[in-house]
Every structure is written in C-alpha cells, then in structure tokens.
C-alpha cells in the first residue's frame, strides 16, 4: 500500500483536468469508466460543458456509479445502444506495468467497462503513481472476471482448462 502524500488529490485533479482539456473536443461521444481520478475528470467535463467551452458531448457510463457521476455533473447521458461507437473512453486502472499493460477490474468493475473501452476509438487511462508496478500481478495476483449468465457453462468449461483459473463463484 502506497502512502497518500500531501497534495495527492490536487495532483490527481490536475492530471484529470489536463486529460479532459487535451483529449475531449466538442461533439464527442465519451465513455466514462471508474476510478478515483475519473471523478475530477467528469467534474471538469461538466464544468467545460456548463461554460459552453464544449458542446454536443454525450457520455456513456460503464457502471451505475459512472452514470450517477455523469448526471450529477449535468452531462448528456447516452448508452451503447444509442451510441455504439465512442470517440474516447476515460477510465482508470488498477495496475500498470512499464510497457503500459493494464489490469482492470481488480475492484470489481468488469464486463461493461471493457465493452465501453472496446467501443472507443481512443482510450485515456487516468491513474496515479500508486498504480505502477514492475510486473502485472504484483498488486492483483487474482483478477475477477465476469461471465454473463447465458455463457456460464461454456466459459466455465474453458476456464477449467486454464492453469491460471483457480476459483469459480456464483
């Protein structure tokens, strides 16, 4: 566990603001993921929309929490049914290696988050130094996966053949 240093929240906010100001343009469809740095990013997105600096922004959430954040900040809510192709996804990560490979889902946001990322032409991952690791699996030796009910049996069979899968729960 890394310590919080004084100014950590200010640094995360500055990184989130910079990402939104440099990556988001008017008319974009933006996927909204999860993570502590996503909150200030969505707040900045809302601020820019309210100020009229960005127009025509539609946001697709990857979770209930992301949906609430979008609505709380006065942003236009969309869905993958309405907006199947996204210009950008803003998301966090649980662990990042030196080659920028990621572990996502360690905290439980799983399938929909990955679908939103896959629908995006570009992805901006927002995270702080505490997420860096020399090798993936340092912080998350086990990563949960979500299986949709209709695919439970075939996926469980497939996972049973994998040496890395140790536990299936209902």
C-alpha atoms as a PDB file:
ATOM      1  CA  UNK A   1       0.000   0.000   0.000  1.00  0.00           C
ATOM      2  CA  UNK A   2       1.401   3.370  -1.021  1.00  0.00           C
ATOM      3  CA  UNK A   3       1.012   6.358   1.269  1.00  0.00           C
ATOM      4  CA  UNK A   4      -1.029   9.395   0.308  1.00  0.00           C
ATOM      5  CA  UNK A   5       1.301  12.361   0.128  1.00  0.00           C
ATOM      6  CA  UNK A   6       0.160  15.923   0.758  1.00  0.00           C
ATOM      7  CA  UNK A   7      -1.207  17.264  -2.480  1.00  0.00           C
ATOM      8  CA  UNK A   8      -2.115  13.827  -3.920  1.00  0.00           C
ATOM      9  CA  UNK A   9      -5.709  14.866  -4.589  1.00  0.00           C
ATOM     10  CA  UNK A  10      -4.525  18.122  -6.193  1.00  0.00           C
ATOM     11  CA  UNK A  11      -2.124  16.185  -8.424  1.00  0.00           C
ATOM     12  CA  UNK A  12      -4.860  13.722  -9.460  1.00  0.00           C
ATOM     13  CA  UNK A  13      -7.203  16.619 -10.180  1.00  0.00           C
ATOM     14  CA  UNK A  14      -4.546  18.385 -12.267  1.00  0.00           C
ATOM     15  CA  UNK A  15      -3.926  15.206 -14.299  1.00  0.00           C
ATOM     16  CA  UNK A  16      -7.662  14.680 -14.832  1.00  0.00           C
ATOM     17  CA  UNK A  17      -8.217  18.300 -15.891  1.00  0.00           C
ATOM     18  CA  UNK A  18      -5.289  18.147 -18.325  1.00  0.00           C
ATOM     19  CA  UNK A  19      -6.572  14.885 -19.839  1.00  0.00           C
ATOM     20  CA  UNK A  20     -10.048  16.326 -20.418  1.00  0.00           C
ATOM     21  CA  UNK A  21      -8.750  19.618 -21.781  1.00  0.00           C
ATOM     22  CA  UNK A  22      -6.361  17.925 -24.223  1.00  0.00           C
ATOM     23  CA  UNK A  23      -8.342  14.821 -25.237  1.00  0.00           C
ATOM     24  CA  UNK A  24     -12.001  15.883 -25.383  1.00  0.00           C
ATOM     25  CA  UNK A  25     -13.430  18.002 -28.191  1.00  0.00           C
ATOM     26  CA  UNK A  26     -16.941  19.269 -28.888  1.00  0.00           C
ATOM     27  CA  UNK A  27     -19.295  16.727 -30.431  1.00  0.00           C
ATOM     28  CA  UNK A  28     -17.519  13.717 -28.933  1.00  0.00           C
ATOM     29  CA  UNK A  29     -19.114  10.600 -27.534  1.00  0.00           C
ATOM     30  CA  UNK A  30     -17.139   9.762 -24.392  1.00  0.00           C
ATOM     31  CA  UNK A  31     -17.154   6.540 -22.415  1.00  0.00           C
ATOM     32  CA  UNK A  32     -16.869   7.097 -18.665  1.00  0.00           C
ATOM     33  CA  UNK A  33     -15.165   4.429 -16.599  1.00  0.00           C
ATOM     34  CA  UNK A  34     -14.292   4.240 -12.939  1.00  0.00           C
ATOM     35  CA  UNK A  35     -11.532   5.094 -10.544  1.00  0.00           C
ATOM     36  CA  UNK A  36     -10.668   7.919  -8.188  1.00  0.00           C
ATOM     37  CA  UNK A  37      -9.184  10.051 -10.970  1.00  0.00           C
ATOM     38  CA  UNK A  38     -12.327   9.738 -13.109  1.00  0.00           C
ATOM     39  CA  UNK A  39     -14.335  11.840 -10.646  1.00  0.00           C
ATOM     40  CA  UNK A  40     -12.351  15.070 -11.227  1.00  0.00           C
ATOM     41  CA  UNK A  41     -12.232  14.305 -14.964  1.00  0.00           C
ATOM     42  CA  UNK A  42     -16.029  14.175 -15.175  1.00  0.00           C
ATOM     43  CA  UNK A  43     -16.299  17.252 -12.959  1.00  0.00           C
ATOM     44  CA  UNK A  44     -14.029  19.110 -15.403  1.00  0.00           C
ATOM     45  CA  UNK A  45     -16.020  17.810 -18.360  1.00  0.00           C
ATOM     46  CA  UNK A  46     -19.192  19.110 -16.693  1.00  0.00           C
ATOM     47  CA  UNK A  47     -17.565  22.463 -15.968  1.00  0.00           C
ATOM     48  CA  UNK A  48     -16.477  22.894 -19.602  1.00  0.00           C
ATOM     49  CA  UNK A  49     -19.932  21.943 -20.909  1.00  0.00           C
ATOM     50  CA  UNK A  50     -21.681  24.337 -18.493  1.00  0.00           C
ATOM     51  CA  UNK A  51     -19.263  27.125 -19.501  1.00  0.00           C
ATOM     52  CA  UNK A  52     -20.040  26.496 -23.181  1.00  0.00           C
ATOM     53  CA  UNK A  53     -16.442  25.579 -23.967  1.00  0.00           C
ATOM     54  CA  UNK A  54     -17.555  22.089 -25.040  1.00  0.00           C
ATOM     55  CA  UNK A  55     -20.822  21.337 -26.816  1.00  0.00           C
ATOM     56  CA  UNK A  56     -22.565  18.216 -28.059  1.00  0.00           C
ATOM     57  CA  UNK A  57     -20.837  15.888 -25.573  1.00  0.00           C
ATOM     58  CA  UNK A  58     -22.586  12.554 -24.992  1.00  0.00           C
ATOM     59  CA  UNK A  59     -21.392  10.286 -22.184  1.00  0.00           C
ATOM     60  CA  UNK A  60     -21.763   6.512 -21.975  1.00  0.00           C
ATOM     61  CA  UNK A  61     -21.273   5.088 -18.474  1.00  0.00           C
ATOM     62  CA  UNK A  62     -19.588   1.777 -17.729  1.00  0.00           C
ATOM     63  CA  UNK A  63     -21.278   1.385 -14.343  1.00  0.00           C
ATOM     64  CA  UNK A  64     -24.107   2.671 -12.189  1.00  0.00           C
ATOM     65  CA  UNK A  65     -21.610   4.871 -10.333  1.00  0.00           C
ATOM     66  CA  UNK A  66     -20.397   6.373 -13.621  1.00  0.00           C
ATOM     67  CA  UNK A  67     -23.999   7.038 -14.641  1.00  0.00           C
ATOM     68  CA  UNK A  68     -24.640   8.874 -11.382  1.00  0.00           C
ATOM     69  CA  UNK A  69     -21.449  10.910 -11.846  1.00  0.00           C
ATOM     70  CA  UNK A  70     -22.480  11.887 -15.394  1.00  0.00           C
ATOM     71  CA  UNK A  71     -25.929  13.005 -14.252  1.00  0.00           C
ATOM     72  CA  UNK A  72     -24.600  14.811 -11.150  1.00  0.00           C
ATOM     73  CA  UNK A  73     -22.365  16.909 -13.413  1.00  0.00           C
ATOM     74  CA  UNK A  74     -25.149  17.834 -15.832  1.00  0.00           C
ATOM     75  CA  UNK A  75     -23.777  15.868 -18.762  1.00  0.00           C
ATOM     76  CA  UNK A  76     -25.805  14.223 -21.524  1.00  0.00           C
ATOM     77  CA  UNK A  77     -26.295  10.528 -20.772  1.00  0.00           C
ATOM     78  CA  UNK A  78     -26.232   8.006 -23.608  1.00  0.00           C
ATOM     79  CA  UNK A  79     -25.880   4.238 -23.907  1.00  0.00           C
ATOM     80  CA  UNK A  80     -24.053   1.802 -26.133  1.00  0.00           C
ATOM     81  CA  UNK A  81     -27.393   1.071 -27.855  1.00  0.00           C
ATOM     82  CA  UNK A  82     -27.749   4.753 -28.754  1.00  0.00           C
ATOM     83  CA  UNK A  83     -24.027   5.408 -29.235  1.00  0.00           C
ATOM     84  CA  UNK A  84     -22.278   2.154 -30.238  1.00  0.00           C
ATOM     85  CA  UNK A  85     -19.107   3.910 -31.434  1.00  0.00           C
ATOM     86  CA  UNK A  86     -17.296   6.155 -28.985  1.00  0.00           C
ATOM     87  CA  UNK A  87     -14.623   8.714 -29.794  1.00  0.00           C
ATOM     88  CA  UNK A  88     -12.873   8.359 -26.454  1.00  0.00           C
ATOM     89  CA  UNK A  89     -13.079   6.383 -23.222  1.00  0.00           C
ATOM     90  CA  UNK A  90     -11.813   7.876 -19.971  1.00  0.00           C
ATOM     91  CA  UNK A  91     -11.018   5.218 -17.396  1.00  0.00           C
ATOM     92  CA  UNK A  92      -8.759   4.257 -14.537  1.00  0.00           C
ATOM     93  CA  UNK A  93      -6.560   1.218 -13.991  1.00  0.00           C
ATOM     94  CA  UNK A  94      -5.753  -0.986 -11.024  1.00  0.00           C
ATOM     95  CA  UNK A  95      -2.195  -1.759 -12.050  1.00  0.00           C
ATOM     96  CA  UNK A  96       0.120  -0.572 -14.862  1.00  0.00           C
ATOM     97  CA  UNK A  97       3.444  -2.136 -15.882  1.00  0.00           C
ATOM     98  CA  UNK A  98       6.394  -0.328 -17.553  1.00  0.00           C
ATOM     99  CA  UNK A  99       5.004  -1.253 -21.013  1.00  0.00           C
ATOM    100  CA  UNK A 100       1.614   0.282 -20.140  1.00  0.00           C
ATOM    101  CA  UNK A 101      -0.149  -3.067 -19.969  1.00  0.00           C
ATOM    102  CA  UNK A 102      -3.034  -2.798 -17.516  1.00  0.00           C
ATOM    103  CA  UNK A 103      -5.014  -4.750 -15.006  1.00  0.00           C
ATOM    104  CA  UNK A 104      -8.585  -3.533 -14.847  1.00  0.00           C
ATOM    105  CA  UNK A 105     -11.376  -4.999 -12.815  1.00  0.00           C
ATOM    106  CA  UNK A 106      -9.468  -5.612  -9.604  1.00  0.00           C
ATOM    107  CA  UNK A 107     -12.050  -3.512  -7.818  1.00  0.00           C
ATOM    108  CA  UNK A 108     -14.996  -5.289  -9.410  1.00  0.00           C
ATOM    109  CA  UNK A 109     -15.892  -3.110 -12.434  1.00  0.00           C
ATOM    110  CA  UNK A 110     -15.709  -5.726 -15.099  1.00  0.00           C
ATOM    111  CA  UNK A 111     -17.517  -6.584 -18.291  1.00  0.00           C
ATOM    112  CA  UNK A 112     -19.309  -3.353 -19.187  1.00  0.00           C
ATOM    113  CA  UNK A 113     -16.172  -1.308 -18.527  1.00  0.00           C
ATOM    114  CA  UNK A 114     -14.250  -3.411 -21.029  1.00  0.00           C
ATOM    115  CA  UNK A 115     -17.080  -3.236 -23.582  1.00  0.00           C
ATOM    116  CA  UNK A 116     -17.100   0.575 -23.331  1.00  0.00           C
ATOM    117  CA  UNK A 117     -13.325   0.644 -23.834  1.00  0.00           C
ATOM    118  CA  UNK A 118     -13.615  -1.665 -26.824  1.00  0.00           C
ATOM    119  CA  UNK A 119     -16.246   0.640 -28.391  1.00  0.00           C
ATOM    120  CA  UNK A 120     -13.879   3.627 -28.181  1.00  0.00           C
ATOM    121  CA  UNK A 121     -11.557   4.772 -30.945  1.00  0.00           C
ATOM    122  CA  UNK A 122      -9.136   6.081 -28.282  1.00  0.00           C
ATOM    123  CA  UNK A 123      -8.670   5.388 -24.587  1.00  0.00           C
ATOM    124  CA  UNK A 124      -7.177   7.673 -21.947  1.00  0.00           C
ATOM    125  CA  UNK A 125      -6.220   5.871 -18.736  1.00  0.00           C
ATOM    126  CA  UNK A 126      -6.065   8.168 -15.723  1.00  0.00           C
ATOM    127  CA  UNK A 127      -4.197   6.892 -12.682  1.00  0.00           C
ATOM    128  CA  UNK A 128      -1.572   7.988 -10.210  1.00  0.00           C
ATOM    129  CA  UNK A 129       1.875   6.626  -9.379  1.00  0.00           C
ATOM    130  CA  UNK A 130       0.482   4.131  -6.869  1.00  0.00           C
ATOM    131  CA  UNK A 131      -0.820   2.019  -9.766  1.00  0.00           C
ATOM    132  CA  UNK A 132       2.646   1.430 -11.259  1.00  0.00           C
ATOM    133  CA  UNK A 133       4.203  -1.998 -10.788  1.00  0.00           C
ATOM    134  CA  UNK A 134       7.267  -3.718 -12.243  1.00  0.00           C
ATOM    135  CA  UNK A 135       5.207  -6.762 -13.319  1.00  0.00           C
ATOM    136  CA  UNK A 136       1.459  -7.186 -13.698  1.00  0.00           C
ATOM    137  CA  UNK A 137       0.055  -9.212 -10.845  1.00  0.00           C
ATOM    138  CA  UNK A 138       2.169  -7.537  -8.176  1.00  0.00           C
ATOM    139  CA  UNK A 139      -0.868  -5.884  -6.569  1.00  0.00           C
ATOM    140  CA  UNK A 140      -3.580  -8.076  -8.040  1.00  0.00           C
ATOM    141  CA  UNK A 141      -2.436 -11.696  -8.122  1.00  0.00           C
ATOM    142  CA  UNK A 142      -6.092 -12.613  -8.739  1.00  0.00           C
ATOM    143  CA  UNK A 143      -8.301 -10.654 -11.085  1.00  0.00           C
ATOM    144  CA  UNK A 144     -12.014 -11.375 -11.160  1.00  0.00           C
ATOM    145  CA  UNK A 145     -13.765 -11.904 -14.458  1.00  0.00           C
ATOM    146  CA  UNK A 146     -17.455 -11.517 -15.119  1.00  0.00           C
ATOM    147  CA  UNK A 147     -19.362 -14.157 -17.009  1.00  0.00           C
ATOM    148  CA  UNK A 148     -22.759 -13.324 -18.429  1.00  0.00           C
ATOM    149  CA  UNK A 149     -25.340 -15.915 -17.333  1.00  0.00           C
ATOM    150  CA  UNK A 150     -26.067 -17.194 -20.836  1.00  0.00           C
ATOM    151  CA  UNK A 151     -22.369 -18.093 -21.279  1.00  0.00           C
ATOM    152  CA  UNK A 152     -21.669 -19.518 -17.821  1.00  0.00           C
ATOM    153  CA  UNK A 153     -21.350 -23.195 -18.778  1.00  0.00           C
ATOM    154  CA  UNK A 154     -19.123 -22.854 -21.882  1.00  0.00           C
ATOM    155  CA  UNK A 155     -16.947 -20.192 -20.253  1.00  0.00           C
ATOM    156  CA  UNK A 156     -16.607 -22.253 -17.059  1.00  0.00           C
ATOM    157  CA  UNK A 157     -15.526 -25.242 -19.152  1.00  0.00           C
ATOM    158  CA  UNK A 158     -12.963 -23.144 -20.976  1.00  0.00           C
ATOM    159  CA  UNK A 159     -11.616 -21.605 -17.784  1.00  0.00           C
ATOM    160  CA  UNK A 160     -11.296 -25.046 -16.198  1.00  0.00           C
ATOM    161  CA  UNK A 161      -8.626 -25.841 -18.797  1.00  0.00           C
ATOM    162  CA  UNK A 162      -6.573 -22.760 -17.868  1.00  0.00           C
ATOM    163  CA  UNK A 163      -3.863 -23.067 -15.248  1.00  0.00           C
ATOM    164  CA  UNK A 164      -4.475 -19.533 -14.026  1.00  0.00           C
ATOM    165  CA  UNK A 165      -8.129 -20.013 -13.085  1.00  0.00           C
ATOM    166  CA  UNK A 166      -8.456 -21.171  -9.502  1.00  0.00           C
ATOM    167  CA  UNK A 167     -11.974 -20.351  -8.340  1.00  0.00           C
ATOM    168  CA  UNK A 168     -15.433 -20.023  -9.832  1.00  0.00           C
ATOM    169  CA  UNK A 169     -18.132 -18.490  -7.673  1.00  0.00           C
ATOM    170  CA  UNK A 170     -21.810 -17.951  -8.258  1.00  0.00           C
END
